[in-house]
Protein backbone atom coordinates (compact mmCIF):
# COMPACT_ATOMS: atom_id res chain seq x y z
CA UNK A 1 0.00 0.00 0.00
CA UNK A 2 1.46 3.35 -1.05
CA UNK A 3 0.74 6.01 1.54
CA UNK A 4 0.49 9.76 1.01
CA UNK A 5 3.78 10.04 2.90
CA UNK A 6 5.40 7.57 0.46
CA UNK A 7 4.08 9.55 -2.51
CA UNK A 8 5.32 12.84 -1.02
CA UNK A 9 8.79 11.39 -0.35
CA UNK A 10 9.00 9.96 -3.86
CA UNK A 11 7.86 13.24 -5.43
CA UNK A 12 10.56 15.17 -3.54
CA UNK A 13 13.30 12.49 -3.81
CA UNK A 14 13.57 12.05 -0.04
CA UNK A 15 15.02 8.90 1.55
CA UNK A 16 12.20 6.70 2.83
CA UNK A 17 13.41 6.47 6.46
CA UNK A 18 14.06 10.20 6.89
CA UNK A 19 12.10 12.36 9.34
CA UNK A 20 10.59 15.53 7.93
CA UNK A 21 9.22 18.43 9.96
CA UNK A 22 6.04 20.36 9.23
CA UNK A 23 8.26 23.30 8.27
CA UNK A 24 10.12 21.16 5.73
CA UNK A 25 6.85 19.80 4.32
CA UNK A 26 5.63 23.39 3.91
CA UNK A 27 8.84 24.41 2.13
CA UNK A 28 8.82 21.43 -0.21
CA UNK A 29 5.10 21.55 -0.98
CA UNK A 30 4.89 25.34 -1.29
CA UNK A 31 1.98 25.43 1.17
CA UNK A 32 1.89 27.95 4.01
CA UNK A 33 3.16 26.63 7.34
CA UNK A 34 0.14 28.19 9.06
CA UNK A 35 -2.21 26.10 6.91
CA UNK A 36 -0.34 22.89 7.71
CA UNK A 37 -0.35 23.70 11.42
CA UNK A 38 -4.14 24.11 11.26
CA UNK A 39 -4.44 20.74 9.53
CA UNK A 40 -2.20 19.20 12.22
CA UNK A 41 -4.32 20.62 15.05
CA UNK A 42 -7.46 19.25 13.42
CA UNK A 43 -5.78 15.87 13.14
CA UNK A 44 -5.10 15.90 16.88
CA UNK A 45 -8.72 16.81 17.54
CA UNK A 46 -10.00 14.05 15.25
CA UNK A 47 -7.71 11.53 16.96
CA UNK A 48 -9.19 12.45 20.32
CA UNK A 49 -12.83 12.57 19.27
CA UNK A 50 -13.20 9.83 16.63
CA UNK A 51 -11.23 6.73 17.59
CA UNK A 52 -12.98 4.56 15.01
CA UNK A 53 -11.40 6.58 12.19
CA UNK A 54 -7.83 6.17 13.50
CA UNK A 55 -5.94 3.41 11.71
CA UNK A 56 -4.20 0.44 13.34
CA UNK A 57 -0.58 1.31 14.17
CA UNK A 58 1.31 -1.65 12.72
CA UNK A 59 -0.63 -2.17 9.51
CA UNK A 60 -2.26 1.23 8.87
CA UNK A 61 -5.43 -0.77 8.20
CA UNK A 62 -8.87 0.69 8.82
CA UNK A 63 -10.88 -1.01 11.53
CA UNK A 64 -13.73 0.81 13.25
CA UNK A 65 -14.05 -1.92 15.92
CA UNK A 66 -12.84 0.05 18.94
CA UNK A 67 -13.25 -2.92 21.28
CA UNK A 68 -10.98 -5.17 19.20
CA UNK A 69 -8.46 -2.37 18.58
CA UNK A 70 -8.31 0.12 21.48
CA UNK A 71 -6.47 3.45 21.33
CA UNK A 72 -3.23 1.80 22.51
CA UNK A 73 -3.11 -0.27 19.29
CA UNK A 74 -3.81 2.62 16.95
CA UNK A 75 -1.64 5.38 15.52
CA UNK A 76 -0.57 8.05 17.98
CA UNK A 77 -2.07 11.54 17.78
CA UNK A 78 1.16 12.78 16.18
CA UNK A 79 1.20 9.98 13.58
CA UNK A 80 -2.46 10.58 12.76
CA UNK A 81 -1.94 14.35 12.45
CA UNK A 82 1.11 13.96 10.21
CA UNK A 83 -0.82 11.51 8.01
CA UNK A 84 -3.50 14.17 7.65
CA UNK A 85 -0.87 16.72 6.59
CA UNK A 86 0.52 14.36 3.94
CA UNK A 87 -2.99 13.75 2.66
CA UNK A 88 -3.61 17.50 2.53
CA UNK A 89 -0.40 18.36 0.64
CA UNK A 90 -1.15 15.53 -1.81
CA UNK A 91 -4.54 17.24 -2.30
CA UNK A 92 -6.57 14.13 -1.49
CA UNK A 93 -10.33 14.49 -1.65
CA UNK A 94 -10.91 13.42 1.98
CA UNK A 95 -8.78 16.23 3.41
CA UNK A 96 -7.91 18.92 0.85
CA UNK A 97 -11.33 18.79 -0.79
CA UNK A 98 -13.20 17.44 2.23
CA UNK A 99 -12.57 17.88 5.95
CA UNK A 100 -9.99 20.64 5.48
CA UNK A 101 -11.41 22.30 2.36
CA UNK A 102 -12.06 25.47 4.36
CA UNK A 103 -8.34 25.69 5.20
CA UNK A 104 -7.41 25.26 1.52
CA UNK A 105 -9.89 28.02 0.67
CA UNK A 106 -8.70 30.31 3.49
CA UNK A 107 -5.13 30.18 2.12
CA UNK A 108 -6.19 30.26 -1.55
CA UNK A 109 -4.71 26.84 -2.26
CA UNK A 110 -7.43 25.58 -4.60
């Protein structure tokens, strides 16, 4: 499964195991850091309020069964928020054109 992070790293010729900050993602993508910070904060909020949407940590698989996969087995708030940023900078419909469309509009990114 190719993730949005994988696609971003490939697009910008980054080594797969490297860590990249929000500031670096903003610089490489050309998106305002303020917009990406807003997306990150929303990711943290979604992680806290909608456990069923948070993917399983080891496999990144979707599984809304919160009894079978409690919070401790899911991505951390930071991982979930960074995944949301990668989705946003890749202009995926669920974030850029969906949940965070107002942020894209606010910063004239459409």
